[in-house]
Amino acid sequence: MHKHNLQPKHELVYLTEDASHDAVIELINAEAFGPGRHARAAARIREQGPHDRSLSFVCTDDGETIASVRMTPVLAGGVKGHLLGPLAVRPSHKNRGIGRELVRIAIEAAKRKGSEAVILVGDPPYYGPLGFEKVAYNALEFPGPVDPARVLVVPIAEDVHSRLKGTIGWRA
């Protein structure tokens, strides 16, 4: 039996993040976003307090961590929600639906935990099909400049859009 011409087998496994993933996640995010990533408005919110590991996930391929999504608890105007990001997939594994699957898993986990909304700053054409809607223009004030057209939300609770007004920041 000749095995040499078979495609390499990929064992993609999605796991809840734990502390053992920190170094590789930092590497993946540095690779994806570069040194300017810490200056972004969303990054400033994430610097205010820790992310929620129970809602943050990695994807491994044959035991190697190749993608990550993190969720940070935020108060956005009157909404107790979660800020999604960073979401990053290693270049070797792009365009295989891994990022979309991580987003789906994170949103489902947030719903189960009682989050009122999942918010992010991102590309509407990518995130729209994943359930994200545009937040009203300039409704949320970030700790730094942000493109209002890229502020998106998956509303989970009632009246989320009407309550997404004011500042957004980390919540305990």
Protein backbone atom coordinates (compact mmCIF):
# COMPACT_ATOMS: atom_id res chain seq x y z
CA MET A 1 0.00 0.00 0.00
CA HIS A 2 1.52 3.29 -1.12
CA LYS A 3 0.84 6.19 1.24
CA HIS A 4 3.31 8.70 -0.17
CA ASN A 5 0.82 10.29 -2.58
CA LEU A 6 -1.89 11.01 0.01
CA GLN A 7 -2.67 14.58 1.05
CA PRO A 8 -1.25 15.46 4.47
CA LYS A 9 -3.98 14.86 7.02
CA HIS A 10 -5.05 17.84 9.06
CA GLU A 11 -6.55 17.32 12.51
CA LEU A 12 -8.21 20.65 13.29
CA VAL A 13 -9.32 20.84 16.91
CA TYR A 14 -11.01 23.82 18.59
CA LEU A 15 -10.18 24.31 22.27
CA THR A 16 -10.87 26.80 25.04
CA GLU A 17 -7.81 28.97 25.54
CA ASP A 18 -5.68 28.46 28.64
CA ALA A 19 -2.50 30.05 29.97
CA SER A 20 -0.30 27.56 28.09
CA HIS A 21 -1.40 29.23 24.83
CA ASP A 22 -0.29 32.78 25.77
CA ALA A 23 3.13 32.77 24.07
CA VAL A 24 1.96 31.24 20.80
CA ILE A 25 -1.10 33.54 20.66
CA GLU A 26 1.21 36.54 21.07
CA LEU A 27 3.29 35.18 18.19
CA ILE A 28 0.26 34.62 15.94
CA ASN A 29 -1.07 38.13 16.64
CA ALA A 30 2.35 39.71 16.05
CA GLU A 31 2.58 37.86 12.74
CA ALA A 32 -0.94 38.91 11.71
CA PHE A 33 -1.06 42.53 12.87
CA GLY A 34 2.53 43.70 13.36
CA PRO A 35 3.93 46.18 15.88
CA GLY A 36 1.19 48.79 15.36
CA ARG A 37 -1.45 46.50 16.84
CA HIS A 38 -1.11 47.83 20.42
CA ALA A 39 -1.97 51.39 19.36
CA ARG A 40 -5.43 50.48 18.05
CA ALA A 41 -8.51 51.67 19.96
CA ALA A 42 -9.71 48.09 20.54
CA ALA A 43 -6.28 47.17 21.91
CA ARG A 44 -6.54 50.05 24.39
CA ILE A 45 -9.76 48.59 25.76
CA ARG A 46 -8.08 45.19 26.06
CA GLU A 47 -5.26 46.81 28.06
CA GLN A 48 -7.81 47.96 30.69
CA GLY A 49 -8.33 44.44 32.01
CA PRO A 50 -8.01 40.74 31.24
CA HIS A 51 -9.89 38.90 28.51
CA ASP A 52 -12.31 36.11 29.44
CA ARG A 53 -10.49 32.84 28.80
CA SER A 54 -13.74 30.85 29.07
CA LEU A 55 -14.97 32.66 25.91
CA SER A 56 -11.60 32.68 24.10
CA PHE A 57 -10.61 29.85 21.78
CA VAL A 58 -7.75 28.43 19.77
CA CYS A 59 -7.60 26.09 16.80
CA THR A 60 -4.87 23.48 16.69
CA ASP A 61 -3.71 21.46 13.70
CA ASP A 62 -2.04 18.21 14.71
CA GLY A 63 -1.39 19.72 18.15
CA GLU A 64 0.10 23.00 16.89
CA THR A 65 -1.84 26.19 17.72
CA ILE A 66 -2.54 27.93 14.41
CA ALA A 67 -5.39 30.37 15.21
CA SER A 68 -6.88 32.30 18.09
CA VAL A 69 -9.83 34.47 19.05
CA ARG A 70 -10.19 36.37 22.31
CA MET A 71 -13.20 37.93 24.02
CA THR A 72 -12.97 40.79 26.52
CA PRO A 73 -15.88 41.82 28.77
CA VAL A 74 -16.99 45.39 28.04
CA LEU A 75 -19.62 47.90 29.00
CA ALA A 76 -20.69 49.60 25.78
CA GLY A 77 -23.05 52.45 26.63
CA GLY A 78 -25.74 50.54 28.55
CA VAL A 79 -24.86 47.10 27.14
CA LYS A 80 -22.94 44.43 29.06
CA GLY A 81 -21.24 42.64 26.20
CA HIS A 82 -17.96 41.30 24.92
CA LEU A 83 -15.40 42.76 22.54
CA LEU A 84 -14.26 40.13 20.04
CA GLY A 85 -10.63 40.18 19.00
CA PRO A 86 -7.95 39.84 18.14
CA LEU A 87 -8.90 37.11 15.69
CA ALA A 88 -5.88 35.73 13.86
CA VAL A 89 -5.08 32.71 11.73
CA ARG A 90 -1.56 31.75 10.67
CA PRO A 91 -0.88 32.45 6.97
CA SER A 92 -0.40 28.71 6.37
CA HIS A 93 -4.04 28.08 7.34
CA LYS A 94 -5.87 31.07 5.88
CA ASN A 95 -9.01 30.79 3.69
CA ARG A 96 -10.12 27.50 5.22
CA GLY A 97 -12.98 28.86 7.34
CA ILE A 98 -11.03 28.61 10.61
CA GLY A 99 -11.50 32.27 11.52
CA ARG A 100 -15.23 32.07 10.81
CA GLU A 101 -15.55 28.93 12.94
CA LEU A 102 -13.69 30.58 15.85
CA VAL A 103 -16.06 33.57 15.64
CA ARG A 104 -19.10 31.27 15.59
CA ILE A 105 -17.86 29.32 18.63
CA ALA A 106 -17.07 32.52 20.56
CA ILE A 107 -20.51 34.04 19.87
CA GLU A 108 -22.27 30.84 20.95
CA ALA A 109 -20.22 30.74 24.15
CA ALA A 110 -21.04 34.40 24.88
CA LYS A 111 -24.77 33.71 24.39
CA ARG A 112 -24.60 30.81 26.85
CA LYS A 113 -22.82 33.03 29.39
CA GLY A 114 -25.54 35.69 29.17
CA SER A 115 -23.64 38.33 27.22
CA GLU A 116 -25.94 41.00 25.76
CA ALA A 117 -23.88 41.62 22.62
CA VAL A 118 -20.66 40.78 20.82
CA ILE A 119 -18.92 43.90 19.50
CA LEU A 120 -15.90 44.29 17.26
CA VAL A 121 -14.04 46.68 15.01
CA GLY A 122 -13.69 44.93 11.67
CA ASP A 123 -14.51 44.47 8.03
CA PRO A 124 -18.31 44.50 7.40
CA PRO A 125 -18.13 42.25 4.29
CA TYR A 126 -16.31 39.56 6.31
CA TYR A 127 -18.30 39.80 9.53
CA GLY A 128 -21.76 40.59 8.09
CA PRO A 129 -22.44 36.97 7.06
CA LEU A 130 -21.41 35.90 10.59
CA GLY A 131 -24.31 37.85 12.14
CA PHE A 132 -22.71 41.25 12.71
CA GLU A 133 -24.61 44.47 12.06
CA LYS A 134 -23.32 48.04 11.90
CA VAL A 135 -23.54 50.04 15.12
CA ALA A 136 -25.13 53.48 14.65
CA TYR A 137 -22.55 55.93 13.34
CA ASN A 138 -20.38 57.33 16.18
CA ALA A 139 -22.75 55.88 18.83
CA LEU A 140 -19.86 54.32 20.76
CA GLU A 141 -16.89 56.31 21.96
CA PHE A 142 -13.66 54.28 21.96
CA PRO A 143 -10.48 55.17 23.89
CA GLY A 144 -8.79 56.22 20.67
CA PRO A 145 -9.63 56.84 17.02
CA VAL A 146 -11.76 54.23 15.29
CA ASP A 147 -13.49 54.09 11.90
CA PRO A 148 -17.20 54.28 12.85
CA ALA A 149 -18.16 52.30 9.73
CA ARG A 150 -16.20 49.32 11.10
CA VAL A 151 -17.87 49.16 14.53
CA LEU A 152 -20.09 46.07 14.40
CA VAL A 153 -22.32 44.12 16.78
CA VAL A 154 -24.14 40.82 17.14
CA PRO A 155 -27.13 41.86 19.26
CA ILE A 156 -28.11 39.09 21.68
CA ALA A 157 -30.35 40.83 24.25
CA GLU A 158 -33.36 43.07 23.62
CA ASP A 159 -32.98 46.69 22.49
CA VAL A 160 -29.21 46.37 22.08
CA HIS A 161 -28.94 48.96 19.30
CA SER A 162 -30.85 51.60 21.28
CA ARG A 163 -28.61 51.01 24.33
CA LEU A 164 -25.29 51.06 22.43
CA LYS A 165 -24.69 54.76 23.09
CA GLY A 166 -21.82 56.25 25.06
CA THR A 167 -18.35 55.05 25.96
CA ILE A 168 -17.04 51.53 25.61
CA GLY A 169 -14.56 50.15 28.11
CA TRP A 170 -13.50 47.07 30.05
CA ARG A 171 -15.91 45.82 32.71
CA ALA A 172 -15.08 43.75 35.78
